[in-house]
Amino acid sequence: GNTRILANEISRELRCDIEEIRTPDSYSGFFGYQRAFFHAAFKKKPAIRQLNKNPADYDIVIIGSPFWAGLVPGPIRTFLDRYRTNFNDVAFFLTQGGKLGQKSFFDQMKKTSGKKPLAQLAVSEKELSTGDFKELVSFFLDELRLSSPKLERKRAKIHSRPHMTTSP
């Protein structure tokens, strides 16, 4: 739920829509974890459920994701690839256990989406658990506002994949 926590905080601050990228298959439990690793490691694009809204209807799409095996999760890869022509502008955020590999992750997101992000944010589990992430979110939003001064009047949408869990 770390990605969801961060997505909710950003959505609350921007007063924007939020939609979860969902798959028909679960990533919970031992086999779900193995499936998630396989999809990330081999850059697979698993099926995702149809979105309720079109990303093209938004000026900025903020895409959030956990870090799976140091790579973009399969469902996020599918989303970025499928909707890349629908993005006007994008921003990315990442939730992760530590602080290594952020540049590589954001480079993968940029390449797969075909867009240079207006802003990027990486938050660790520790920062989420201690509440230290709120200052990082403020910096992220400031960067977004500087990149897009009319952001408060624009409609933004967050797309995210919740953190994978290993418990049933």
N, C-alpha and C. Protein backbone atom coordinates (compact mmCIF):
# COMPACT_ATOMS: atom_id res chain seq x y z
N GLY A 1 0.78 -1.21 0.00
CA GLY A 1 0.00 0.00 0.00
C GLY A 1 0.82 1.27 0.00
N ASN A 2 2.16 1.20 -0.10
CA ASN A 2 2.98 2.40 -0.07
C ASN A 2 2.71 3.33 -1.26
N THR A 3 2.56 2.76 -2.43
CA THR A 3 2.28 3.59 -3.61
C THR A 3 0.92 4.25 -3.46
N ARG A 4 -0.03 3.53 -2.92
CA ARG A 4 -1.37 4.09 -2.71
C ARG A 4 -1.32 5.26 -1.71
N ILE A 5 -0.56 5.10 -0.63
CA ILE A 5 -0.42 6.17 0.36
C ILE A 5 0.12 7.43 -0.30
N LEU A 6 1.16 7.27 -1.09
CA LEU A 6 1.78 8.42 -1.75
C LEU A 6 0.84 9.02 -2.80
N ALA A 7 0.16 8.17 -3.55
CA ALA A 7 -0.80 8.66 -4.55
C ALA A 7 -1.92 9.45 -3.89
N ASN A 8 -2.41 8.96 -2.76
CA ASN A 8 -3.47 9.68 -2.05
C ASN A 8 -3.00 11.03 -1.53
N GLU A 9 -1.76 11.10 -1.06
CA GLU A 9 -1.22 12.37 -0.57
C GLU A 9 -1.09 13.37 -1.71
N ILE A 10 -0.57 12.94 -2.84
CA ILE A 10 -0.43 13.84 -4.00
C ILE A 10 -1.80 14.27 -4.49
N SER A 11 -2.73 13.33 -4.57
CA SER A 11 -4.09 13.65 -5.00
C SER A 11 -4.75 14.65 -4.06
N ARG A 12 -4.55 14.47 -2.78
CA ARG A 12 -5.13 15.39 -1.80
C ARG A 12 -4.56 16.80 -1.97
N GLU A 13 -3.26 16.89 -2.17
CA GLU A 13 -2.61 18.19 -2.32
C GLU A 13 -3.02 18.90 -3.62
N LEU A 14 -3.15 18.14 -4.69
CA LEU A 14 -3.50 18.73 -6.00
C LEU A 14 -5.00 18.77 -6.26
N ARG A 15 -5.76 18.06 -5.42
CA ARG A 15 -7.21 17.93 -5.64
C ARG A 15 -7.46 17.40 -7.05
N CYS A 16 -6.84 16.26 -7.34
CA CYS A 16 -6.96 15.67 -8.67
C CYS A 16 -7.54 14.26 -8.59
N ASP A 17 -7.96 13.76 -9.74
CA ASP A 17 -8.48 12.41 -9.85
C ASP A 17 -7.36 11.40 -9.60
N ILE A 18 -7.78 10.20 -9.25
CA ILE A 18 -6.82 9.11 -9.05
C ILE A 18 -7.45 7.83 -9.59
N GLU A 19 -6.67 7.02 -10.28
CA GLU A 19 -7.16 5.75 -10.80
C GLU A 19 -6.06 4.71 -10.67
N GLU A 20 -6.42 3.56 -10.17
CA GLU A 20 -5.46 2.48 -9.97
C GLU A 20 -5.34 1.63 -11.23
N ILE A 21 -4.12 1.32 -11.60
CA ILE A 21 -3.88 0.39 -12.71
C ILE A 21 -4.02 -1.01 -12.12
N ARG A 22 -4.97 -1.75 -12.65
CA ARG A 22 -5.25 -3.07 -12.08
C ARG A 22 -5.07 -4.15 -13.13
N THR A 23 -4.70 -5.33 -12.65
CA THR A 23 -4.54 -6.49 -13.52
C THR A 23 -5.62 -7.51 -13.18
N PRO A 24 -5.97 -8.37 -14.14
CA PRO A 24 -6.93 -9.43 -13.81
C PRO A 24 -6.33 -10.46 -12.85
N ASP A 25 -5.01 -10.63 -12.88
CA ASP A 25 -4.33 -11.59 -12.02
C ASP A 25 -3.75 -10.90 -10.79
N SER A 26 -3.73 -11.61 -9.68
CA SER A 26 -3.20 -11.08 -8.43
C SER A 26 -1.68 -11.22 -8.39
N TYR A 27 -1.06 -10.27 -7.70
CA TYR A 27 0.37 -10.35 -7.44
C TYR A 27 0.62 -10.67 -5.97
N SER A 28 -0.40 -11.13 -5.27
CA SER A 28 -0.28 -11.47 -3.85
C SER A 28 0.25 -12.89 -3.68
N GLY A 29 0.84 -13.13 -2.53
CA GLY A 29 1.31 -14.46 -2.19
C GLY A 29 2.57 -14.86 -2.94
N PHE A 30 3.02 -16.07 -2.66
CA PHE A 30 4.27 -16.57 -3.23
C PHE A 30 4.25 -16.58 -4.76
N PHE A 31 3.20 -17.14 -5.35
CA PHE A 31 3.15 -17.25 -6.82
C PHE A 31 2.94 -15.89 -7.47
N GLY A 32 2.20 -15.03 -6.81
CA GLY A 32 2.03 -13.67 -7.31
C GLY A 32 3.35 -12.92 -7.33
N TYR A 33 4.14 -13.12 -6.27
CA TYR A 33 5.45 -12.49 -6.19
C TYR A 33 6.35 -13.00 -7.33
N GLN A 34 6.31 -14.31 -7.58
CA GLN A 34 7.11 -14.89 -8.67
C GLN A 34 6.66 -14.33 -10.02
N ARG A 35 5.35 -14.21 -10.21
CA ARG A 35 4.81 -13.65 -11.46
C ARG A 35 5.28 -12.20 -11.62
N ALA A 36 5.23 -11.43 -10.55
CA ALA A 36 5.65 -10.03 -10.60
C ALA A 36 7.12 -9.92 -10.98
N PHE A 37 7.95 -10.76 -10.36
CA PHE A 37 9.38 -10.73 -10.67
C PHE A 37 9.61 -11.09 -12.14
N PHE A 38 8.94 -12.14 -12.61
CA PHE A 38 9.09 -12.57 -14.01
C PHE A 38 8.69 -11.44 -14.97
N HIS A 39 7.55 -10.80 -14.71
CA HIS A 39 7.09 -9.71 -15.59
C HIS A 39 8.08 -8.55 -15.60
N ALA A 40 8.60 -8.19 -14.43
CA ALA A 40 9.55 -7.08 -14.35
C ALA A 40 10.88 -7.44 -14.99
N ALA A 41 11.43 -8.59 -14.61
CA ALA A 41 12.77 -8.98 -15.08
C ALA A 41 12.83 -9.19 -16.58
N PHE A 42 11.75 -9.71 -17.16
CA PHE A 42 11.76 -9.99 -18.59
C PHE A 42 10.97 -8.98 -19.40
N LYS A 43 10.66 -7.84 -18.76
CA LYS A 43 9.98 -6.71 -19.41
C LYS A 43 8.70 -7.14 -20.11
N LYS A 44 7.96 -8.00 -19.44
CA LYS A 44 6.66 -8.46 -19.95
C LYS A 44 5.62 -7.37 -19.76
N LYS A 45 4.60 -7.44 -20.58
CA LYS A 45 3.49 -6.49 -20.51
C LYS A 45 2.19 -7.27 -20.26
N PRO A 46 1.89 -7.55 -18.99
CA PRO A 46 0.68 -8.32 -18.68
C PRO A 46 -0.58 -7.52 -18.98
N ALA A 47 -1.67 -8.21 -19.04
CA ALA A 47 -2.96 -7.55 -19.27
C ALA A 47 -3.28 -6.63 -18.09
N ILE A 48 -3.87 -5.49 -18.42
CA ILE A 48 -4.40 -4.59 -17.39
C ILE A 48 -5.86 -4.32 -17.71
N ARG A 49 -6.61 -4.00 -16.68
CA ARG A 49 -8.03 -3.72 -16.87
C ARG A 49 -8.22 -2.38 -17.54
N GLN A 50 -9.34 -2.26 -18.24
CA GLN A 50 -9.69 -1.01 -18.92
C GLN A 50 -9.79 0.13 -17.92
N LEU A 51 -9.28 1.30 -18.29
CA LEU A 51 -9.37 2.47 -17.42
C LEU A 51 -10.78 3.05 -17.48
N ASN A 52 -11.15 3.76 -16.43
CA ASN A 52 -12.44 4.45 -16.41
C ASN A 52 -12.40 5.75 -17.20
N LYS A 53 -11.21 6.37 -17.26
CA LYS A 53 -11.07 7.65 -17.95
C LYS A 53 -9.86 7.60 -18.87
N ASN A 54 -9.90 8.42 -19.90
CA ASN A 54 -8.84 8.48 -20.90
C ASN A 54 -7.75 9.43 -20.43
N PRO A 55 -6.49 8.99 -20.36
CA PRO A 55 -5.41 9.89 -19.96
C PRO A 55 -5.29 11.13 -20.86
N ALA A 56 -5.74 11.05 -22.09
CA ALA A 56 -5.67 12.21 -23.01
C ALA A 56 -6.55 13.36 -22.53
N ASP A 57 -7.51 13.08 -21.67
CA ASP A 57 -8.40 14.13 -21.15
C ASP A 57 -7.73 14.97 -20.07
N TYR A 58 -6.51 14.63 -19.71
CA TYR A 58 -5.80 15.33 -18.63
C TYR A 58 -4.55 16.00 -19.17
N ASP A 59 -4.27 17.18 -18.66
CA ASP A 59 -3.07 17.90 -19.07
C ASP A 59 -1.81 17.23 -18.55
N ILE A 60 -1.89 16.70 -17.34
CA ILE A 60 -0.74 16.02 -16.73
C ILE A 60 -1.22 14.68 -16.16
N VAL A 61 -0.50 13.63 -16.47
CA VAL A 61 -0.76 12.32 -15.89
C VAL A 61 0.43 12.00 -14.99
N ILE A 62 0.14 11.80 -13.70
CA ILE A 62 1.17 11.47 -12.72
C ILE A 62 1.12 9.96 -12.52
N ILE A 63 2.23 9.31 -12.82
CA ILE A 63 2.27 7.85 -12.80
C ILE A 63 3.13 7.39 -11.63
N GLY A 64 2.52 6.63 -10.73
CA GLY A 64 3.23 6.14 -9.57
C GLY A 64 3.41 4.64 -9.63
N SER A 65 4.51 4.19 -9.05
CA SER A 65 4.83 2.77 -9.13
C SER A 65 5.76 2.35 -8.01
N PRO A 66 5.63 1.10 -7.57
CA PRO A 66 6.68 0.53 -6.73
C PRO A 66 7.85 0.09 -7.62
N PHE A 67 8.91 -0.31 -6.99
CA PHE A 67 10.15 -0.75 -7.63
C PHE A 67 10.17 -2.28 -7.54
N TRP A 68 10.08 -2.98 -8.64
CA TRP A 68 10.08 -4.44 -8.62
C TRP A 68 11.36 -4.95 -9.26
N ALA A 69 12.18 -5.61 -8.49
CA ALA A 69 13.44 -6.20 -8.97
C ALA A 69 14.29 -5.15 -9.68
N GLY A 70 14.22 -3.91 -9.22
CA GLY A 70 14.99 -2.84 -9.83
C GLY A 70 14.46 -2.40 -11.18
N LEU A 71 13.25 -2.81 -11.51
CA LEU A 71 12.69 -2.53 -12.82
C LEU A 71 11.25 -2.01 -12.71
N VAL A 72 10.77 -1.49 -13.81
CA VAL A 72 9.37 -1.05 -13.90
C VAL A 72 8.48 -2.28 -13.85
N PRO A 73 7.48 -2.31 -12.98
CA PRO A 73 6.56 -3.45 -12.93
C PRO A 73 5.83 -3.65 -14.26
N GLY A 74 5.52 -4.91 -14.55
CA GLY A 74 4.83 -5.24 -15.80
C GLY A 74 3.57 -4.42 -16.04
N PRO A 75 2.67 -4.29 -15.05
CA PRO A 75 1.45 -3.52 -15.29
C PRO A 75 1.71 -2.06 -15.65
N ILE A 76 2.73 -1.46 -15.05
CA ILE A 76 3.07 -0.07 -15.38
C ILE A 76 3.65 -0.01 -16.79
N ARG A 77 4.48 -0.99 -17.13
CA ARG A 77 5.04 -1.05 -18.49
C ARG A 77 3.90 -1.15 -19.52
N THR A 78 2.91 -1.99 -19.25
CA THR A 78 1.76 -2.12 -20.15
C THR A 78 1.03 -0.79 -20.28
N PHE A 79 0.76 -0.15 -19.14
CA PHE A 79 0.06 1.13 -19.14
C PHE A 79 0.82 2.19 -19.95
N LEU A 80 2.12 2.32 -19.68
CA LEU A 80 2.93 3.33 -20.38
C LEU A 80 2.96 3.07 -21.88
N ASP A 81 3.11 1.82 -22.26
CA ASP A 81 3.17 1.47 -23.67
C ASP A 81 1.81 1.68 -24.35
N ARG A 82 0.75 1.25 -23.72
CA ARG A 82 -0.59 1.33 -24.30
C ARG A 82 -1.08 2.77 -24.46
N TYR A 83 -0.79 3.61 -23.49
CA TYR A 83 -1.35 4.96 -23.49
C TYR A 83 -0.34 6.05 -23.83
N ARG A 84 0.83 5.70 -24.26
CA ARG A 84 1.89 6.69 -24.50
C ARG A 84 1.48 7.80 -25.45
N THR A 85 0.63 7.50 -26.42
CA THR A 85 0.18 8.55 -27.35
C THR A 85 -0.93 9.40 -26.75
N ASN A 86 -1.44 9.01 -25.59
CA ASN A 86 -2.52 9.75 -24.93
C ASN A 86 -2.01 10.74 -23.88
N PHE A 87 -0.72 10.72 -23.57
CA PHE A 87 -0.18 11.60 -22.54
C PHE A 87 0.13 12.97 -23.11
N ASN A 88 -0.37 14.01 -22.44
CA ASN A 88 0.04 15.37 -22.78
C ASN A 88 1.37 15.65 -22.09
N ASP A 89 1.36 15.67 -20.77
CA ASP A 89 2.57 15.76 -19.96
C ASP A 89 2.50 14.69 -18.88
N VAL A 90 3.67 14.29 -18.37
CA VAL A 90 3.72 13.27 -17.34
C VAL A 90 4.64 13.71 -16.20
N ALA A 91 4.43 13.10 -15.06
CA ALA A 91 5.33 13.16 -13.91
C ALA A 91 5.34 11.76 -13.32
N PHE A 92 6.44 11.39 -12.67
CA PHE A 92 6.57 10.04 -12.13
C PHE A 92 6.88 10.07 -10.64
N PHE A 93 6.34 9.10 -9.92
CA PHE A 93 6.80 8.88 -8.55
C PHE A 93 7.00 7.40 -8.31
N LEU A 94 7.88 7.12 -7.37
CA LEU A 94 8.36 5.77 -7.10
C LEU A 94 8.37 5.53 -5.60
N THR A 95 7.89 4.36 -5.19
CA THR A 95 8.06 3.92 -3.81
C THR A 95 9.00 2.72 -3.82
N GLN A 96 9.90 2.70 -2.84
CA GLN A 96 10.92 1.64 -2.85
C GLN A 96 11.42 1.37 -1.45
N GLY A 97 12.08 0.21 -1.31
CA GLY A 97 12.63 -0.16 -0.02
C GLY A 97 13.82 0.68 0.38
N GLY A 98 14.70 0.98 -0.56
CA GLY A 98 15.90 1.77 -0.28
C GLY A 98 15.98 2.97 -1.18
N LYS A 99 17.19 3.36 -1.53
CA LYS A 99 17.37 4.54 -2.37
C LYS A 99 18.24 4.25 -3.60
N LEU A 100 18.50 2.99 -3.90
CA LEU A 100 19.36 2.67 -5.03
C LEU A 100 18.53 2.45 -6.30
N GLY A 101 19.08 2.79 -7.44
CA GLY A 101 18.46 2.47 -8.71
C GLY A 101 17.40 3.43 -9.21
N GLN A 102 17.24 4.57 -8.55
CA GLN A 102 16.21 5.50 -8.98
C GLN A 102 16.41 5.99 -10.40
N LYS A 103 17.63 6.39 -10.74
CA LYS A 103 17.89 6.94 -12.07
C LYS A 103 17.52 5.93 -13.15
N SER A 104 17.95 4.70 -12.97
CA SER A 104 17.63 3.65 -13.93
C SER A 104 16.12 3.46 -14.06
N PHE A 105 15.43 3.46 -12.92
CA PHE A 105 13.98 3.29 -12.94
C PHE A 105 13.31 4.43 -13.71
N PHE A 106 13.68 5.66 -13.40
CA PHE A 106 13.07 6.80 -14.07
C PHE A 106 13.44 6.83 -15.55
N ASP A 107 14.65 6.40 -15.90
CA ASP A 107 15.03 6.30 -17.31
C ASP A 107 14.15 5.29 -18.05
N GLN A 108 13.85 4.16 -17.39
CA GLN A 108 12.96 3.15 -17.99
C GLN A 108 11.55 3.73 -18.20
N MET A 109 11.06 4.47 -17.20
CA MET A 109 9.72 5.08 -17.31
C MET A 109 9.69 6.08 -18.46
N LYS A 110 10.72 6.88 -18.55
CA LYS A 110 10.80 7.89 -19.62
C LYS A 110 10.84 7.22 -21.00
N LYS A 111 11.66 6.21 -21.13
CA LYS A 111 11.78 5.50 -22.41
C LYS A 111 10.47 4.83 -22.80
N THR A 112 9.84 4.15 -21.86
CA THR A 112 8.61 3.42 -22.17
C THR A 112 7.44 4.36 -22.45
N SER A 113 7.38 5.49 -21.75
CA SER A 113 6.29 6.44 -21.97
C SER A 113 6.52 7.33 -23.18
N GLY A 114 7.78 7.46 -23.59
CA GLY A 114 8.10 8.36 -24.69
C GLY A 114 8.01 9.83 -24.30
N LYS A 115 8.00 10.11 -23.00
CA LYS A 115 7.85 11.48 -22.51
C LYS A 115 8.91 11.81 -21.46
N LYS A 116 9.39 13.04 -21.49
CA LYS A 116 10.26 13.53 -20.43
C LYS A 116 9.34 14.03 -19.32
N PRO A 117 9.54 13.54 -18.09
CA PRO A 117 8.65 13.94 -17.00
C PRO A 117 8.88 15.39 -16.57
N LEU A 118 7.80 16.04 -16.16
CA LEU A 118 7.91 17.39 -15.61
C LEU A 118 8.55 17.36 -14.23
N ALA A 119 8.36 16.25 -13.51
CA ALA A 119 8.93 16.09 -12.17
C ALA A 119 9.02 14.61 -11.84
N GLN A 120 9.91 14.28 -10.91
CA GLN A 120 10.09 12.90 -10.44
C GLN A 120 10.23 12.91 -8.93
N LEU A 121 9.72 11.86 -8.31
CA LEU A 121 9.78 11.74 -6.86
C LEU A 121 10.04 10.30 -6.49
N ALA A 122 11.01 10.07 -5.61
CA ALA A 122 11.27 8.73 -5.08
C ALA A 122 11.16 8.81 -3.57
N VAL A 123 10.38 7.89 -3.00
CA VAL A 123 10.15 7.85 -1.56
C VAL A 123 10.41 6.44 -1.06
N SER A 124 11.18 6.34 0.01
CA SER A 124 11.50 5.03 0.58
C SER A 124 10.42 4.62 1.59
N GLU A 125 10.40 3.33 1.89
CA GLU A 125 9.47 2.82 2.91
C GLU A 125 9.70 3.51 4.24
N LYS A 126 10.97 3.77 4.57
CA LYS A 126 11.29 4.43 5.84
C LYS A 126 10.69 5.83 5.87
N GLU A 127 10.82 6.58 4.77
CA GLU A 127 10.26 7.94 4.71
C GLU A 127 8.73 7.91 4.83
N LEU A 128 8.12 6.88 4.26
CA LEU A 128 6.67 6.75 4.38
C LEU A 128 6.27 6.41 5.81
N SER A 129 7.01 5.52 6.45
CA SER A 129 6.63 5.10 7.79
C SER A 129 6.87 6.18 8.84
N THR A 130 7.84 7.07 8.62
CA THR A 130 8.13 8.12 9.58
C THR A 130 7.39 9.42 9.27
N GLY A 131 6.75 9.50 8.10
CA GLY A 131 6.05 10.73 7.71
C GLY A 131 6.94 11.74 7.04
N ASP A 132 8.22 11.40 6.86
CA ASP A 132 9.16 12.33 6.22
C ASP A 132 8.86 12.56 4.75
N PHE A 133 7.98 11.78 4.16
CA PHE A 133 7.68 11.89 2.74
C PHE A 133 6.91 13.18 2.41
N LYS A 134 6.23 13.76 3.38
CA LYS A 134 5.40 14.94 3.09
C LYS A 134 6.22 16.12 2.60
N GLU A 135 7.42 16.29 3.13
CA GLU A 135 8.29 17.36 2.63
C GLU A 135 8.75 17.05 1.21
N LEU A 136 9.03 15.78 0.93
CA LEU A 136 9.42 15.39 -0.42
C LEU A 136 8.28 15.63 -1.41
N VAL A 137 7.06 15.34 -0.99
CA VAL A 137 5.89 15.60 -1.84
C VAL A 137 5.78 17.09 -2.13
N SER A 138 6.04 17.93 -1.14
CA SER A 138 5.99 19.39 -1.35
C SER A 138 7.00 19.82 -2.40
N PHE A 139 8.22 19.28 -2.34
CA PHE A 139 9.24 19.61 -3.34
C PHE A 139 8.80 19.15 -4.73
N PHE A 140 8.25 17.94 -4.79
CA PHE A 140 7.75 17.38 -6.06
C PHE A 140 6.67 18.29 -6.65
N LEU A 141 5.72 18.70 -5.82
CA LEU A 141 4.64 19.56 -6.30
C LEU A 141 5.15 20.94 -6.70
N ASP A 142 6.14 21.45 -5.98
CA ASP A 142 6.76 22.72 -6.38
C ASP A 142 7.41 22.59 -7.75
N GLU A 143 8.10 21.48 -7.97
CA GLU A 143 8.73 21.24 -9.27
C GLU A 143 7.68 21.15 -10.38
N LEU A 144 6.57 20.47 -10.10
CA LEU A 144 5.47 20.39 -11.07
C LEU A 144 4.91 21.78 -11.37
N ARG A 145 4.69 22.56 -10.33
CA ARG A 145 4.13 23.91 -10.51
C ARG A 145 5.07 24.80 -11.30
N LEU A 146 6.37 24.67 -11.08
CA LEU A 146 7.34 25.45 -11.84
C LEU A 146 7.35 25.03 -13.31
N SER A 147 7.19 23.74 -13.56
CA SER A 147 7.17 23.22 -14.93
C SER A 147 5.87 23.55 -15.64
N SER A 148 4.81 23.68 -14.88
CA SER A 148 3.49 23.94 -15.44
C SER A 148 2.77 24.92 -14.51
N PRO A 149 3.05 26.24 -14.68
CA PRO A 149 2.51 27.24 -13.75
C PRO A 149 0.99 27.24 -13.61
N LYS A 150 0.28 26.77 -14.60
CA LYS A 150 -1.18 26.76 -14.53
C LYS A 150 -1.71 25.47 -13.92
N LEU A 151 -0.84 24.72 -13.27
CA LEU A 151 -1.22 23.41 -12.75
C LEU A 151 -2.46 23.47 -11.87
N GLU A 152 -2.58 24.46 -11.03
CA GLU A 152 -3.73 24.54 -10.13
C GLU A 152 -5.04 24.64 -10.90
N ARG A 153 -4.99 25.16 -12.12
CA ARG A 153 -6.21 25.27 -12.92
C ARG A 153 -6.35 24.12 -13.90
N LYS A 154 -5.29 23.37 -14.07
CA LYS A 154 -5.34 22.24 -14.99
C LYS A 154 -5.87 21.02 -14.28
N ARG A 155 -6.36 20.08 -15.06
CA ARG A 155 -6.79 18.82 -14.49
C ARG A 155 -5.63 17.84 -14.56
N ALA A 156 -5.35 17.21 -13.46
CA ALA A 156 -4.27 16.21 -13.40
C ALA A 156 -4.88 14.89 -12.98
N LYS A 157 -4.23 13.83 -13.34
CA LYS A 157 -4.70 12.51 -12.96
C LYS A 157 -3.51 11.66 -12.54
N ILE A 158 -3.71 10.90 -11.51
CA ILE A 158 -2.66 10.00 -11.03
C ILE A 158 -3.03 8.58 -11.45
N HIS A 159 -2.07 7.88 -12.03
CA HIS A 159 -2.23 6.46 -12.32
C HIS A 159 -1.16 5.74 -11.53
N SER A 160 -1.55 4.71 -10.83
CA SER A 160 -0.57 4.01 -10.02
C SER A 160 -0.91 2.55 -9.89
N ARG A 161 0.08 1.79 -9.58
CA ARG A 161 -0.05 0.37 -9.28
C ARG A 161 0.28 0.22 -7.82
N PRO A 162 -0.61 -0.35 -7.02
CA PRO A 162 -0.32 -0.47 -5.59
C PRO A 162 0.89 -1.37 -5.36
N HIS A 163 1.48 -1.18 -4.20
CA HIS A 163 2.64 -1.98 -3.81
C HIS A 163 2.26 -3.46 -3.77
N MET A 164 3.13 -4.28 -4.27
CA MET A 164 2.91 -5.72 -4.25
C MET A 164 3.01 -6.23 -2.81
N THR A 165 2.14 -7.13 -2.46
CA THR A 165 2.21 -7.73 -1.13
C THR A 165 2.54 -9.21 -1.28
N THR A 166 3.16 -9.75 -0.27
CA THR A 166 3.52 -11.17 -0.33
C THR A 166 2.64 -12.02 0.58
N SER A 167 1.72 -11.38 1.28
CA SER A 167 0.83 -12.15 2.13
C SER A 167 -0.48 -12.44 1.39
N PRO A 168 -1.15 -13.54 1.71
CA PRO A 168 -2.39 -13.87 1.00
C PRO A 168 -3.51 -12.90 1.30
